[in-house]
Amino acid sequence: MTSYIFPPAPQAAVPVRGSPQQYAVSRIFCVGRNYAAHAREMGFDPDREPPFYFNKTPIDLVPSGATVPYPLGSQNYHYEMELVIALGQPAFRVAPEQAQACVWGYACGLDMTRRDLQIKSREMGRPWDFGKDFEQSAVISELVPASAIGHPTRGAIQLSVNGQLRQNADLKDLIWSVPEIVANLSHYYHLQPGDLIYTGTPEGVGAVQPGDHITGRIDGVGEIALTIGQPE
């Protein structure tokens, strides 16, 4: 039996709609600027160059409905509503035509972002880790199997803050589709079941404050909610 100096961290996992089983998470990939209008609002021209990625740590996961404290070190805390892919088969150097079969299911996600730290890092030519990969920054709804809903390619993706609509787009506006994302990423990693991919956010991102309540939805996939608590 293996002996550890400290107890290992609990396995990160996501509940599955209609099942007592959970989806064990190993890695979280995130696609940057995958909606043209969001790219423009961030000061960039959208194009069809290969997508780029950043990562979050599985310990960052937090379930829909939670209250999370306003994060450390930031004065500009943003929401980003996203479709999340959950892989169910290995994918290595697959073509887009093969990639969809590797997707097990989907969820709603919030890529919470310390925007001031992200922009500062970007301006200095440094990685985005401080702005993106921090505790409780990867909010996720329950997963729904593709066998139950199919593979959504269109439908509303929306987010509201305190009942006011802030993001309102359609999945068809993704620059890189789900099969294209999986195929592209599979040329850089041996993708496996347990890998989540946050697919990017539409325009309308903005700041939230302690006491704000975020709700989001994606047609055919589900809903998500988050409350912003006081800083620790």
C-alpha atoms as a PDB file:
ATOM      1  CA  MET A   1       0.000   0.000   0.000  1.00  0.00           C
ATOM      2  CA  THR A   2       1.274   3.456  -0.935  1.00  0.00           C
ATOM      3  CA  SER A   3       1.995   5.757   1.979  1.00  0.00           C
ATOM      4  CA  TYR A   4       1.766   9.537   1.565  1.00  0.00           C
ATOM      5  CA  ILE A   5       3.374  12.294   3.632  1.00  0.00           C
ATOM      6  CA  PHE A   6       0.132  14.255   3.326  1.00  0.00           C
ATOM      7  CA  PRO A   7      -3.304  12.886   2.337  1.00  0.00           C
ATOM      8  CA  PRO A   8      -3.923  13.240  -1.423  1.00  0.00           C
ATOM      9  CA  ALA A   9      -6.435  15.845  -2.549  1.00  0.00           C
ATOM     10  CA  PRO A  10      -9.949  14.508  -3.183  1.00  0.00           C
ATOM     11  CA  GLN A  11     -10.728  13.500  -6.759  1.00  0.00           C
ATOM     12  CA  ALA A  12     -12.320  16.412  -8.628  1.00  0.00           C
ATOM     13  CA  ALA A  13     -15.626  15.309 -10.121  1.00  0.00           C
ATOM     14  CA  VAL A  14     -18.793  16.682 -11.715  1.00  0.00           C
ATOM     15  CA  PRO A  15     -22.336  15.372 -11.101  1.00  0.00           C
ATOM     16  CA  VAL A  16     -24.189  13.778 -14.007  1.00  0.00           C
ATOM     17  CA  ARG A  17     -27.831  14.615 -14.638  1.00  0.00           C
ATOM     18  CA  GLY A  18     -30.128  11.735 -13.766  1.00  0.00           C
ATOM     19  CA  SER A  19     -27.347   9.495 -12.431  1.00  0.00           C
ATOM     20  CA  PRO A  20     -25.792   8.753  -9.029  1.00  0.00           C
ATOM     21  CA  GLN A  21     -22.428   8.467 -10.783  1.00  0.00           C
ATOM     22  CA  GLN A  22     -20.009  11.364 -11.173  1.00  0.00           C
ATOM     23  CA  TYR A  23     -17.546  12.273 -13.920  1.00  0.00           C
ATOM     24  CA  ALA A  24     -13.973  12.217 -12.588  1.00  0.00           C
ATOM     25  CA  VAL A  25     -11.941  15.177 -13.891  1.00  0.00           C
ATOM     26  CA  SER A  26      -8.250  14.955 -14.723  1.00  0.00           C
ATOM     27  CA  ARG A  27      -7.555  18.137 -16.755  1.00  0.00           C
ATOM     28  CA  ILE A  28      -9.283  21.380 -17.715  1.00  0.00           C
ATOM     29  CA  PHE A  29      -8.465  23.060 -21.038  1.00  0.00           C
ATOM     30  CA  CYS A  30      -9.925  26.436 -22.026  1.00  0.00           C
ATOM     31  CA  VAL A  31     -10.141  27.984 -25.501  1.00  0.00           C
ATOM     32  CA  GLY A  32      -9.276  31.662 -25.802  1.00  0.00           C
ATOM     33  CA  ARG A  33     -11.304  34.175 -27.824  1.00  0.00           C
ATOM     34  CA  ASN A  34     -13.548  31.691 -29.659  1.00  0.00           C
ATOM     35  CA  TYR A  35     -16.392  34.138 -30.444  1.00  0.00           C
ATOM     36  CA  ALA A  36     -15.640  36.949 -32.901  1.00  0.00           C
ATOM     37  CA  ALA A  37     -17.590  39.639 -31.029  1.00  0.00           C
ATOM     38  CA  HIS A  38     -15.811  38.803 -27.753  1.00  0.00           C
ATOM     39  CA  ALA A  39     -12.427  38.973 -29.490  1.00  0.00           C
ATOM     40  CA  ARG A  40     -13.327  42.456 -30.709  1.00  0.00           C
ATOM     41  CA  GLU A  41     -14.483  43.642 -27.281  1.00  0.00           C
ATOM     42  CA  MET A  42     -11.114  42.512 -25.888  1.00  0.00           C
ATOM     43  CA  GLY A  43      -9.313  44.568 -28.553  1.00  0.00           C
ATOM     44  CA  PHE A  44      -8.431  41.827 -31.054  1.00  0.00           C
ATOM     45  CA  ASP A  45      -9.441  41.035 -34.619  1.00  0.00           C
ATOM     46  CA  PRO A  46     -10.969  37.551 -34.892  1.00  0.00           C
ATOM     47  CA  ASP A  47      -9.550  35.172 -37.458  1.00  0.00           C
ATOM     48  CA  ARG A  48      -9.314  31.505 -38.304  1.00  0.00           C
ATOM     49  CA  GLU A  49      -5.735  30.967 -37.198  1.00  0.00           C
ATOM     50  CA  PRO A  50      -5.321  27.863 -35.015  1.00  0.00           C
ATOM     51  CA  PRO A  51      -7.049  28.252 -31.640  1.00  0.00           C
ATOM     52  CA  PHE A  52      -5.013  28.872 -28.504  1.00  0.00           C
ATOM     53  CA  TYR A  53      -5.530  27.480 -25.032  1.00  0.00           C
ATOM     54  CA  PHE A  54      -4.884  27.993 -21.357  1.00  0.00           C
ATOM     55  CA  ASN A  55      -5.456  25.642 -18.449  1.00  0.00           C
ATOM     56  CA  LYS A  56      -7.220  25.594 -15.139  1.00  0.00           C
ATOM     57  CA  THR A  57      -6.457  23.153 -12.329  1.00  0.00           C
ATOM     58  CA  PRO A  58      -9.115  20.579 -11.346  1.00  0.00           C
ATOM     59  CA  ILE A  59      -8.971  21.937  -7.786  1.00  0.00           C
ATOM     60  CA  ASP A  60     -10.468  25.157  -9.253  1.00  0.00           C
ATOM     61  CA  LEU A  61     -13.793  23.385  -9.956  1.00  0.00           C
ATOM     62  CA  VAL A  62     -16.868  24.529  -8.059  1.00  0.00           C
ATOM     63  CA  PRO A  63     -20.444  23.318  -8.594  1.00  0.00           C
ATOM     64  CA  SER A  64     -23.296  25.438  -9.879  1.00  0.00           C
ATOM     65  CA  GLY A  65     -25.264  27.077  -7.078  1.00  0.00           C
ATOM     66  CA  ALA A  66     -22.224  27.780  -4.910  1.00  0.00           C
ATOM     67  CA  THR A  67     -21.232  31.029  -3.227  1.00  0.00           C
ATOM     68  CA  VAL A  68     -17.579  31.891  -3.804  1.00  0.00           C
ATOM     69  CA  PRO A  69     -15.620  34.707  -2.155  1.00  0.00           C
ATOM     70  CA  TYR A  70     -14.423  37.631  -4.214  1.00  0.00           C
ATOM     71  CA  PRO A  71     -10.940  36.449  -5.246  1.00  0.00           C
ATOM     72  CA  LEU A  72      -7.646  37.407  -3.715  1.00  0.00           C
ATOM     73  CA  GLY A  73      -5.492  40.017  -5.420  1.00  0.00           C
ATOM     74  CA  SER A  74      -8.072  41.360  -7.873  1.00  0.00           C
ATOM     75  CA  GLN A  75     -10.142  44.501  -8.241  1.00  0.00           C
ATOM     76  CA  ASN A  76     -11.762  43.514 -11.557  1.00  0.00           C
ATOM     77  CA  TYR A  77     -13.460  40.096 -11.328  1.00  0.00           C
ATOM     78  CA  HIS A  78     -15.260  38.982 -14.512  1.00  0.00           C
ATOM     79  CA  TYR A  79     -17.707  36.269 -15.566  1.00  0.00           C
ATOM     80  CA  GLU A  80     -17.437  34.330 -18.850  1.00  0.00           C
ATOM     81  CA  MET A  81     -20.307  32.004 -19.814  1.00  0.00           C
ATOM     82  CA  GLU A  82     -19.218  28.911 -21.785  1.00  0.00           C
ATOM     83  CA  LEU A  83     -20.223  25.554 -23.227  1.00  0.00           C
ATOM     84  CA  VAL A  84     -18.107  22.798 -21.649  1.00  0.00           C
ATOM     85  CA  ILE A  85     -17.106  19.568 -23.427  1.00  0.00           C
ATOM     86  CA  ALA A  86     -16.514  16.372 -21.433  1.00  0.00           C
ATOM     87  CA  LEU A  87     -14.518  13.705 -23.236  1.00  0.00           C
ATOM     88  CA  GLY A  88     -15.435  10.037 -22.984  1.00  0.00           C
ATOM     89  CA  GLN A  89     -12.935   8.393 -25.333  1.00  0.00           C
ATOM     90  CA  PRO A  90      -9.211   8.872 -25.975  1.00  0.00           C
ATOM     91  CA  ALA A  91      -8.410  11.321 -28.767  1.00  0.00           C
ATOM     92  CA  PHE A  92      -4.965  11.515 -30.307  1.00  0.00           C
ATOM     93  CA  ARG A  93      -4.348  13.092 -33.705  1.00  0.00           C
ATOM     94  CA  VAL A  94      -7.973  12.684 -34.696  1.00  0.00           C
ATOM     95  CA  ALA A  95      -9.691  14.468 -37.567  1.00  0.00           C
ATOM     96  CA  PRO A  96     -12.742  16.667 -36.919  1.00  0.00           C
ATOM     97  CA  GLU A  97     -14.893  13.955 -38.501  1.00  0.00           C
ATOM     98  CA  GLN A  98     -13.719  11.533 -35.798  1.00  0.00           C
ATOM     99  CA  ALA A  99     -13.599  13.963 -32.890  1.00  0.00           C
ATOM    100  CA  GLN A 100     -17.310  14.223 -32.135  1.00  0.00           C
ATOM    101  CA  ALA A 101     -17.463  10.516 -31.241  1.00  0.00           C
ATOM    102  CA  CYS A 102     -14.932  11.218 -28.457  1.00  0.00           C
ATOM    103  CA  VAL A 103     -17.291  13.636 -26.677  1.00  0.00           C
ATOM    104  CA  TRP A 104     -19.201  12.057 -23.795  1.00  0.00           C
ATOM    105  CA  GLY A 105     -21.322  15.040 -22.790  1.00  0.00           C
ATOM    106  CA  TYR A 106     -21.753  18.745 -22.168  1.00  0.00           C
ATOM    107  CA  ALA A 107     -22.245  21.242 -19.355  1.00  0.00           C
ATOM    108  CA  CYS A 108     -22.617  24.948 -18.725  1.00  0.00           C
ATOM    109  CA  GLY A 109     -19.493  26.603 -17.362  1.00  0.00           C
ATOM    110  CA  LEU A 110     -18.286  29.901 -15.959  1.00  0.00           C
ATOM    111  CA  ASP A 111     -14.655  30.792 -16.625  1.00  0.00           C
ATOM    112  CA  MET A 112     -14.282  33.282 -13.776  1.00  0.00           C
ATOM    113  CA  THR A 113     -11.402  35.653 -14.455  1.00  0.00           C
ATOM    114  CA  ARG A 114      -9.259  38.116 -12.515  1.00  0.00           C
ATOM    115  CA  ARG A 115      -9.299  40.446 -15.509  1.00  0.00           C
ATOM    116  CA  ASP A 116      -6.880  43.019 -14.109  1.00  0.00           C
ATOM    117  CA  LEU A 117      -4.264  40.343 -13.455  1.00  0.00           C
ATOM    118  CA  GLN A 118      -4.858  38.723 -16.855  1.00  0.00           C
ATOM    119  CA  ILE A 119      -4.413  42.032 -18.695  1.00  0.00           C
ATOM    120  CA  LYS A 120      -1.317  42.910 -16.686  1.00  0.00           C
ATOM    121  CA  SER A 121       0.242  39.544 -17.533  1.00  0.00           C
ATOM    122  CA  ARG A 122      -0.707  39.900 -21.184  1.00  0.00           C
ATOM    123  CA  GLU A 123       0.848  43.347 -21.432  1.00  0.00           C
ATOM    124  CA  MET A 124       4.073  42.025 -19.919  1.00  0.00           C
ATOM    125  CA  GLY A 125       4.155  39.031 -22.260  1.00  0.00           C
ATOM    126  CA  ARG A 126       3.686  36.603 -19.381  1.00  0.00           C
ATOM    127  CA  PRO A 127       1.353  33.593 -18.991  1.00  0.00           C
ATOM    128  CA  TRP A 128      -2.241  34.165 -17.926  1.00  0.00           C
ATOM    129  CA  ASP A 129      -2.118  31.873 -14.888  1.00  0.00           C
ATOM    130  CA  PHE A 130      -2.721  34.556 -12.258  1.00  0.00           C
ATOM    131  CA  GLY A 131      -5.741  35.821 -14.160  1.00  0.00           C
ATOM    132  CA  LYS A 132      -7.303  32.474 -15.042  1.00  0.00           C
ATOM    133  CA  ASP A 133      -6.061  29.612 -12.858  1.00  0.00           C
ATOM    134  CA  PHE A 134      -7.091  30.348  -9.283  1.00  0.00           C
ATOM    135  CA  GLU A 135      -9.254  28.765  -6.622  1.00  0.00           C
ATOM    136  CA  GLN A 136     -12.970  28.364  -7.455  1.00  0.00           C
ATOM    137  CA  SER A 137     -12.546  29.892 -10.911  1.00  0.00           C
ATOM    138  CA  ALA A 138     -14.010  26.968 -12.899  1.00  0.00           C
ATOM    139  CA  VAL A 139     -17.737  26.836 -12.183  1.00  0.00           C
ATOM    140  CA  ILE A 140     -19.654  23.969 -13.783  1.00  0.00           C
ATOM    141  CA  SER A 141     -23.216  22.683 -13.956  1.00  0.00           C
ATOM    142  CA  GLU A 142     -24.160  19.028 -13.925  1.00  0.00           C
ATOM    143  CA  LEU A 143     -23.064  17.148 -17.032  1.00  0.00           C
ATOM    144  CA  VAL A 144     -25.606  15.858 -19.511  1.00  0.00           C
ATOM    145  CA  PRO A 145     -24.637  12.931 -21.764  1.00  0.00           C
ATOM    146  CA  ALA A 146     -24.542  13.482 -25.523  1.00  0.00           C
ATOM    147  CA  SER A 147     -26.558  10.264 -25.755  1.00  0.00           C
ATOM    148  CA  ALA A 148     -29.445  12.198 -24.175  1.00  0.00           C
ATOM    149  CA  ILE A 149     -29.202  15.554 -25.984  1.00  0.00           C
ATOM    150  CA  GLY A 150     -27.076  14.971 -29.069  1.00  0.00           C
ATOM    151  CA  HIS A 151     -24.269  17.363 -29.979  1.00  0.00           C
ATOM    152  CA  PRO A 152     -25.498  20.981 -29.831  1.00  0.00           C
ATOM    153  CA  THR A 153     -24.295  23.160 -32.690  1.00  0.00           C
ATOM    154  CA  ARG A 154     -26.712  26.052 -32.248  1.00  0.00           C
ATOM    155  CA  GLY A 155     -28.940  27.517 -29.565  1.00  0.00           C
ATOM    156  CA  ALA A 156     -28.881  30.436 -27.153  1.00  0.00           C
ATOM    157  CA  ILE A 157     -26.037  30.887 -24.688  1.00  0.00           C
ATOM    158  CA  GLN A 158     -26.982  33.551 -22.148  1.00  0.00           C
ATOM    159  CA  LEU A 159     -25.868  35.033 -18.830  1.00  0.00           C
ATOM    160  CA  SER A 160     -27.568  37.463 -16.467  1.00  0.00           C
ATOM    161  CA  VAL A 161     -26.320  39.336 -13.413  1.00  0.00           C
ATOM    162  CA  ASN A 162     -28.955  40.167 -10.803  1.00  0.00           C
ATOM    163  CA  GLY A 163     -31.629  39.446 -13.409  1.00  0.00           C
ATOM    164  CA  GLN A 164     -30.153  41.731 -16.084  1.00  0.00           C
ATOM    165  CA  LEU A 165     -29.109  40.041 -19.348  1.00  0.00           C
ATOM    166  CA  ARG A 166     -25.393  40.594 -20.026  1.00  0.00           C
ATOM    167  CA  GLN A 167     -24.425  37.889 -22.531  1.00  0.00           C
ATOM    168  CA  ASN A 168     -26.727  36.719 -25.320  1.00  0.00           C
ATOM    169  CA  ALA A 169     -25.328  34.785 -28.279  1.00  0.00           C
ATOM    170  CA  ASP A 170     -25.717  31.517 -30.168  1.00  0.00           C
ATOM    171  CA  LEU A 171     -23.507  28.432 -30.192  1.00  0.00           C
ATOM    172  CA  LYS A 172     -23.379  28.665 -33.989  1.00  0.00           C
ATOM    173  CA  ASP A 173     -21.212  31.772 -33.513  1.00  0.00           C
ATOM    174  CA  LEU A 174     -18.269  29.724 -32.231  1.00  0.00           C
ATOM    175  CA  ILE A 175     -15.244  30.413 -34.438  1.00  0.00           C
ATOM    176  CA  TRP A 176     -13.982  26.869 -33.824  1.00  0.00           C
ATOM    177  CA  SER A 177     -16.664  24.192 -33.470  1.00  0.00           C
ATOM    178  CA  VAL A 178     -16.603  21.415 -30.896  1.00  0.00           C
ATOM    179  CA  PRO A 179     -15.182  18.778 -33.323  1.00  0.00           C
ATOM    180  CA  GLU A 180     -12.562  21.243 -34.573  1.00  0.00           C
ATOM    181  CA  ILE A 181     -11.467  22.104 -31.016  1.00  0.00           C
ATOM    182  CA  VAL A 182     -11.127  18.463 -29.982  1.00  0.00           C
ATOM    183  CA  ALA A 183      -9.280  17.587 -33.186  1.00  0.00           C
ATOM    184  CA  ASN A 184      -6.871  20.503 -32.891  1.00  0.00           C
ATOM    185  CA  LEU A 185      -6.117  19.895 -29.210  1.00  0.00           C
ATOM    186  CA  SER A 186      -5.557  16.187 -29.916  1.00  0.00           C
ATOM    187  CA  HIS A 187      -2.493  17.095 -31.974  1.00  0.00           C
ATOM    188  CA  TYR A 188      -0.837  18.529 -28.847  1.00  0.00           C
ATOM    189  CA  TYR A 189      -2.083  16.189 -26.095  1.00  0.00           C
ATOM    190  CA  HIS A 190      -3.148  12.591 -25.664  1.00  0.00           C
ATOM    191  CA  LEU A 191      -6.706  13.536 -24.700  1.00  0.00           C
ATOM    192  CA  GLN A 192      -8.459  11.128 -22.368  1.00  0.00           C
ATOM    193  CA  PRO A 193     -11.794  10.550 -20.619  1.00  0.00           C
ATOM    194  CA  GLY A 194     -11.810  12.963 -17.706  1.00  0.00           C
ATOM    195  CA  ASP A 195     -10.644  15.929 -19.784  1.00  0.00           C
ATOM    196  CA  LEU A 196     -12.928  18.988 -19.796  1.00  0.00           C
ATOM    197  CA  ILE A 197     -12.738  21.719 -22.440  1.00  0.00           C
ATOM    198  CA  TYR A 198     -14.277  25.162 -21.836  1.00  0.00           C
ATOM    199  CA  THR A 199     -15.002  26.351 -25.376  1.00  0.00           C
ATOM    200  CA  GLY A 200     -14.858  30.149 -25.031  1.00  0.00           C
ATOM    201  CA  THR A 201     -17.243  32.968 -24.158  1.00  0.00           C
ATOM    202  CA  PRO A 202     -19.364  35.329 -26.260  1.00  0.00           C
ATOM    203  CA  GLU A 203     -19.331  39.109 -25.989  1.00  0.00           C
ATOM    204  CA  GLY A 204     -20.719  40.926 -22.962  1.00  0.00           C
ATOM    205  CA  VAL A 205     -18.189  39.959 -20.306  1.00  0.00           C
ATOM    206  CA  GLY A 206     -18.061  42.261 -17.322  1.00  0.00           C
ATOM    207  CA  ALA A 207     -17.265  42.774 -13.674  1.00  0.00           C
ATOM    208  CA  VAL A 208     -19.179  41.503 -10.658  1.00  0.00           C
ATOM    209  CA  GLN A 209     -19.120  42.573  -7.023  1.00  0.00           C
ATOM    210  CA  PRO A 210     -19.810  40.887  -3.690  1.00  0.00           C
ATOM    211  CA  GLY A 211     -23.530  40.162  -3.392  1.00  0.00           C
ATOM    212  CA  ASP A 212     -24.083  39.745  -7.136  1.00  0.00           C
ATOM    213  CA  HIS A 213     -25.959  36.681  -8.372  1.00  0.00           C
ATOM    214  CA  ILE A 214     -25.041  35.172 -11.745  1.00  0.00           C
ATOM    215  CA  THR A 215     -27.353  32.899 -13.725  1.00  0.00           C
ATOM    216  CA  GLY A 216     -26.689  31.368 -17.132  1.00  0.00           C
ATOM    217  CA  ARG A 217     -28.232  28.931 -19.548  1.00  0.00           C
ATOM    218  CA  ILE A 218     -27.508  27.103 -22.792  1.00  0.00           C
ATOM    219  CA  ASP A 219     -30.402  25.790 -24.882  1.00  0.00           C
ATOM    220  CA  GLY A 220     -30.642  22.030 -24.638  1.00  0.00           C
ATOM    221  CA  VAL A 221     -27.765  21.754 -22.170  1.00  0.00           C
ATOM    222  CA  GLY A 222     -28.778  23.266 -18.850  1.00  0.00           C
ATOM    223  CA  GLU A 223     -28.464  26.131 -16.422  1.00  0.00           C
ATOM    224  CA  ILE A 224     -25.823  27.453 -14.046  1.00  0.00           C
ATOM    225  CA  ALA A 225     -25.768  29.826 -11.068  1.00  0.00           C
ATOM    226  CA  LEU A 226     -23.170  31.492  -8.867  1.00  0.00           C
ATOM    227  CA  THR A 227     -23.268  34.008  -6.000  1.00  0.00           C
ATOM    228  CA  ILE A 228     -20.315  36.283  -5.290  1.00  0.00           C
ATOM    229  CA  GLY A 229     -19.465  36.444  -1.604  1.00  0.00           C
ATOM    230  CA  GLN A 230     -17.385  38.839   0.425  1.00  0.00           C
ATOM    231  CA  PRO A 231     -13.587  38.674   0.082  1.00  0.00           C
ATOM    232  CA  GLU A 232     -11.758  36.557   2.606  1.00  0.00           C
END
